[in-house]
Amino acid sequence: MIEPFDDSISSADYLALARRQHQAGVSRLNEELAWMLDDETYDCGLNKEHVEVLIYPHNWSAAVRDEDRKPRVFLHAQVNQKGNAQIGWARGQLEILYDEDFLKRYADAARSANSVPWRGLGELMWWRGYEMLLGDVTLHRSPAATALLYAHAASLNELASYLARHVSLVGAMAVNFTYQDGAVTSADFVPTIPHDQLQEIINERGRRTTARLREAVERIVPKFDPE
């Protein structure tokens, strides 16, 4: 058993701890997850190229550049049906997307799950076997698995901090741990902003979408002329 998650510890340090536990051979870790610790270059599924595309100003809309501001982004995270965790900015159950802040072709590509080979352009991290890893933590109480899970949680926080320096990060999601008798019992993705603020963002997104659809219809359909 290791100490509760400490957000002052880096993902690299947690990975190093997980490797020490794993290499000592005294900590159980599912074989399908062990490759993460055997690979010295593993960085918790971060897609640096997709992150750099997001913060590249030439992919931002003319309105954003003319107003000399940064595009608004919400960093979303969820577990898919296969038990993998997906972290991105353009898709997700909350549907928080400021597509007007980006070039249309980029926003459209980011929405797609397969806009580039194998992954979607809007996906910034992908955690393979998240539910399997969580099972090793909660059911088997594996110190190596716990440190590996903490590494992923730390990496998500680090991604949010990095994005906040380059775009207008209106909100994000983080891993929230619950404990019983010092052991992790659950790890869930939760918003880092208050519920009321999150709900207002969602509502405002709906209002903007409705307004744009209305404008589009008015441009396409000629106004009724009784003459």
Protein backbone atom coordinates (compact mmCIF):
# COMPACT_ATOMS: atom_id res chain seq x y z
CA MET A 1 0.00 0.00 0.00
CA ILE A 2 1.31 3.47 -0.84
CA GLU A 3 0.32 6.92 0.36
CA PRO A 4 -2.77 8.73 -1.00
CA PHE A 5 -2.42 10.61 -4.27
CA ASP A 6 -0.32 13.76 -3.94
CA ASP A 7 -0.81 16.28 -6.75
CA SER A 8 2.59 17.82 -5.99
CA ILE A 9 4.31 14.63 -7.20
CA SER A 10 4.96 14.48 -10.94
CA SER A 11 3.78 11.75 -13.27
CA ALA A 12 7.44 10.90 -14.00
CA ASP A 13 8.11 10.32 -10.29
CA TYR A 14 5.01 8.14 -9.93
CA LEU A 15 6.07 6.13 -12.98
CA ALA A 16 9.51 5.64 -11.47
CA LEU A 17 7.90 4.41 -8.24
CA ALA A 18 5.66 2.02 -10.16
CA ARG A 19 8.68 0.61 -12.03
CA ARG A 20 10.58 0.03 -8.80
CA GLN A 21 7.61 -1.84 -7.35
CA HIS A 22 7.16 -3.82 -10.55
CA GLN A 23 10.83 -4.73 -10.96
CA ALA A 24 11.05 -5.87 -7.35
CA GLY A 25 8.54 -8.57 -8.27
CA VAL A 26 6.54 -8.25 -5.06
CA SER A 27 3.65 -6.27 -6.51
CA ARG A 28 0.98 -7.84 -8.67
CA LEU A 29 0.26 -6.16 -12.00
CA ASN A 30 -1.85 -7.52 -14.84
CA GLU A 31 0.34 -8.78 -17.68
CA GLU A 32 -1.63 -6.69 -20.19
CA LEU A 33 -0.57 -3.57 -18.27
CA ALA A 34 3.05 -4.47 -17.54
CA TRP A 35 4.23 -3.13 -20.92
CA MET A 36 3.63 0.40 -19.64
CA LEU A 37 6.35 -0.07 -17.04
CA ASP A 38 8.65 -2.10 -19.28
CA ASP A 39 8.63 0.74 -21.84
CA GLU A 40 10.96 3.45 -20.50
CA THR A 41 9.47 5.99 -22.94
CA TYR A 42 5.85 5.50 -21.83
CA ASP A 43 4.29 8.88 -20.99
CA CYS A 44 0.76 7.94 -19.93
CA GLY A 45 -0.70 7.98 -23.42
CA LEU A 46 -0.04 11.65 -24.10
CA ASN A 47 -0.27 12.60 -27.79
CA LYS A 48 2.11 15.54 -27.95
CA GLU A 49 1.46 16.16 -31.65
CA HIS A 50 -2.27 16.62 -31.09
CA VAL A 51 -1.58 18.97 -28.18
CA GLU A 52 0.74 21.08 -30.33
CA VAL A 53 -1.86 21.25 -33.11
CA LEU A 54 -4.43 22.53 -30.60
CA ILE A 55 -2.22 25.35 -29.30
CA TYR A 56 -0.95 26.37 -32.76
CA PRO A 57 -2.47 29.84 -33.46
CA HIS A 58 -2.85 29.20 -37.20
CA ASN A 59 -5.57 26.68 -36.34
CA TRP A 60 -7.55 29.31 -34.46
CA SER A 61 -10.37 31.27 -36.07
CA ALA A 62 -9.93 34.72 -37.55
CA ALA A 63 -12.26 36.13 -34.88
CA VAL A 64 -9.99 34.85 -32.09
CA ARG A 65 -6.90 36.28 -33.72
CA ASP A 66 -8.58 39.61 -34.53
CA GLU A 67 -9.77 39.96 -30.93
CA ASP A 68 -6.26 39.10 -29.72
CA ARG A 69 -7.49 36.40 -27.38
CA LYS A 70 -7.01 32.66 -26.95
CA PRO A 71 -9.56 30.01 -27.92
CA ARG A 72 -11.73 28.51 -25.21
CA VAL A 73 -11.21 24.84 -24.40
CA PHE A 74 -12.76 22.36 -21.98
CA LEU A 75 -10.59 19.30 -21.28
CA HIS A 76 -12.92 16.32 -21.14
CA ALA A 77 -12.26 12.77 -19.96
CA GLN A 78 -14.36 9.62 -20.00
CA VAL A 79 -14.08 5.83 -20.01
CA ASN A 80 -15.34 4.15 -23.17
CA GLN A 81 -17.18 0.82 -23.49
CA LYS A 82 -13.89 -1.06 -23.86
CA GLY A 83 -12.61 0.25 -20.54
CA ASN A 84 -10.09 2.67 -22.03
CA ALA A 85 -9.94 6.31 -20.95
CA GLN A 86 -10.22 9.03 -23.59
CA ILE A 87 -9.08 12.57 -22.88
CA GLY A 88 -9.74 15.31 -25.40
CA TRP A 89 -11.30 18.69 -26.05
CA ALA A 90 -13.71 18.33 -28.99
CA ARG A 91 -15.86 15.33 -28.07
CA GLY A 92 -17.49 13.89 -24.97
CA GLN A 93 -20.77 13.50 -23.17
CA LEU A 94 -20.82 17.10 -21.95
CA GLU A 95 -20.60 18.44 -25.53
CA ILE A 96 -18.60 21.51 -24.52
CA LEU A 97 -16.98 22.77 -27.69
CA TYR A 98 -16.26 26.34 -28.75
CA ASP A 99 -15.95 25.43 -32.40
CA GLU A 100 -16.29 29.07 -33.46
CA ASP A 101 -12.88 29.69 -31.89
CA PHE A 102 -11.15 27.39 -34.40
CA LEU A 103 -10.87 26.99 -38.15
CA LYS A 104 -13.84 24.98 -39.36
CA ARG A 105 -11.75 22.25 -40.97
CA TYR A 106 -9.79 21.77 -37.75
CA ALA A 107 -12.88 21.75 -35.50
CA ASP A 108 -14.58 19.25 -37.82
CA ALA A 109 -11.51 17.00 -37.82
CA ALA A 110 -11.22 17.22 -34.05
CA ARG A 111 -14.82 16.05 -33.67
CA SER A 112 -14.14 12.92 -35.69
CA ALA A 113 -13.05 9.77 -33.87
CA ASN A 114 -10.81 8.77 -36.80
CA SER A 115 -9.71 12.03 -38.38
CA VAL A 116 -6.09 10.84 -38.48
CA PRO A 117 -4.78 7.27 -38.69
CA TRP A 118 -5.92 5.21 -35.69
CA ARG A 119 -6.94 8.12 -33.42
CA GLY A 120 -9.00 11.30 -33.50
CA LEU A 121 -7.26 14.66 -33.83
CA GLY A 122 -9.21 16.02 -30.85
CA GLU A 123 -7.94 13.26 -28.56
CA LEU A 124 -4.98 14.42 -26.48
CA MET A 125 -4.45 11.35 -24.28
CA TRP A 126 -5.54 7.73 -24.41
CA TRP A 127 -5.24 5.40 -21.42
CA ARG A 128 -5.38 1.81 -22.53
CA GLY A 129 -6.89 -0.62 -20.01
CA TYR A 130 -7.98 2.02 -17.50
CA GLU A 131 -10.67 -0.15 -15.93
CA MET A 132 -8.27 -3.11 -15.82
CA LEU A 133 -5.70 -0.95 -14.05
CA LEU A 134 -8.32 0.28 -11.61
CA GLY A 135 -9.24 -3.34 -10.87
CA ASP A 136 -5.63 -4.15 -9.99
CA VAL A 137 -5.70 -1.19 -7.62
CA THR A 138 -9.04 -1.72 -5.91
CA LEU A 139 -9.31 -5.53 -5.94
CA HIS A 140 -5.69 -6.67 -5.66
CA ARG A 141 -4.35 -3.58 -3.88
CA SER A 142 -1.22 -3.68 -6.02
CA PRO A 143 1.29 -0.94 -5.07
CA ALA A 144 2.73 -0.95 -8.60
CA ALA A 145 -0.74 -0.55 -10.12
CA THR A 146 -1.60 2.19 -7.62
CA ALA A 147 1.54 4.15 -8.45
CA LEU A 148 0.82 3.66 -12.17
CA LEU A 149 -2.73 4.92 -11.70
CA TYR A 150 -1.41 7.92 -9.78
CA ALA A 151 1.01 8.60 -12.65
CA HIS A 152 -1.91 8.83 -15.07
CA ALA A 153 -3.84 11.13 -12.74
CA ALA A 154 -0.79 13.37 -12.38
CA SER A 155 -0.27 13.43 -16.14
CA LEU A 156 -3.85 14.61 -16.68
CA ASN A 157 -3.29 17.45 -14.20
CA GLU A 158 -0.04 18.34 -15.96
CA LEU A 159 -1.81 18.44 -19.32
CA ALA A 160 -4.45 20.79 -17.93
CA SER A 161 -1.74 23.08 -16.51
CA TYR A 162 0.09 23.11 -19.84
CA LEU A 163 -3.05 23.92 -21.81
CA ALA A 164 -3.96 26.72 -19.41
CA ARG A 165 -0.75 28.50 -20.41
CA HIS A 166 -1.57 28.37 -24.12
CA VAL A 167 -5.38 28.51 -24.44
CA SER A 168 -8.27 29.77 -22.37
CA LEU A 169 -9.03 26.65 -20.34
CA VAL A 170 -12.62 27.16 -19.16
CA GLY A 171 -12.61 23.85 -17.27
CA ALA A 172 -11.13 20.40 -17.11
CA MET A 173 -11.63 16.99 -15.55
CA ALA A 174 -9.37 15.24 -13.06
CA VAL A 175 -9.23 11.85 -11.36
CA ASN A 176 -10.93 11.89 -7.98
CA PHE A 177 -9.83 9.14 -5.58
CA THR A 178 -11.81 7.73 -2.68
CA TYR A 179 -10.24 5.64 0.05
CA GLN A 180 -11.18 3.19 2.76
CA ASP A 181 -8.67 2.11 5.39
CA GLY A 182 -5.93 3.77 3.36
CA ALA A 183 -6.70 1.84 0.16
CA VAL A 184 -8.16 3.23 -3.07
CA THR A 185 -11.76 2.14 -3.55
CA SER A 186 -12.61 4.18 -6.65
CA ALA A 187 -11.13 6.64 -9.14
CA ASP A 188 -13.61 8.71 -11.12
CA PHE A 189 -13.31 11.56 -13.60
CA VAL A 190 -14.84 14.71 -12.12
CA PRO A 191 -14.94 18.35 -13.31
CA THR A 192 -12.48 20.70 -11.66
CA ILE A 193 -14.99 23.58 -11.69
CA PRO A 194 -18.13 23.99 -9.55
CA HIS A 195 -21.31 22.29 -10.76
CA ASP A 196 -23.16 25.60 -11.23
CA GLN A 197 -20.36 26.96 -13.41
CA LEU A 198 -20.23 23.75 -15.43
CA GLN A 199 -23.99 23.81 -15.97
CA GLU A 200 -23.85 27.41 -17.16
CA ILE A 201 -21.12 26.48 -19.66
CA ILE A 202 -23.30 23.65 -20.97
CA ASN A 203 -26.37 25.88 -21.17
CA GLU A 204 -24.40 28.63 -22.91
CA ARG A 205 -23.12 26.10 -25.42
CA GLY A 206 -26.74 25.18 -26.21
CA ARG A 207 -27.72 28.81 -26.69
CA ARG A 208 -24.80 29.45 -29.07
CA THR A 209 -25.61 26.34 -31.08
CA THR A 210 -29.27 27.33 -31.39
CA ALA A 211 -28.35 30.84 -32.47
CA ARG A 212 -25.98 29.60 -35.17
CA LEU A 213 -28.56 27.13 -36.51
CA ARG A 214 -31.15 29.90 -36.66
CA GLU A 215 -28.74 32.14 -38.56
CA ALA A 216 -27.95 29.33 -40.99
CA VAL A 217 -31.62 28.67 -41.67
CA GLU A 218 -32.29 32.37 -42.26
CA ARG A 219 -29.48 32.51 -44.80
CA ILE A 220 -30.72 29.45 -46.68
CA VAL A 221 -34.48 29.94 -46.54
CA PRO A 222 -35.70 33.21 -48.14
CA LYS A 223 -37.97 35.31 -46.01
CA PHE A 224 -41.66 34.89 -46.78
CA ASP A 225 -42.92 37.62 -49.07
CA PRO A 226 -46.74 37.77 -49.38
CA GLU A 227 -46.40 39.66 -52.72
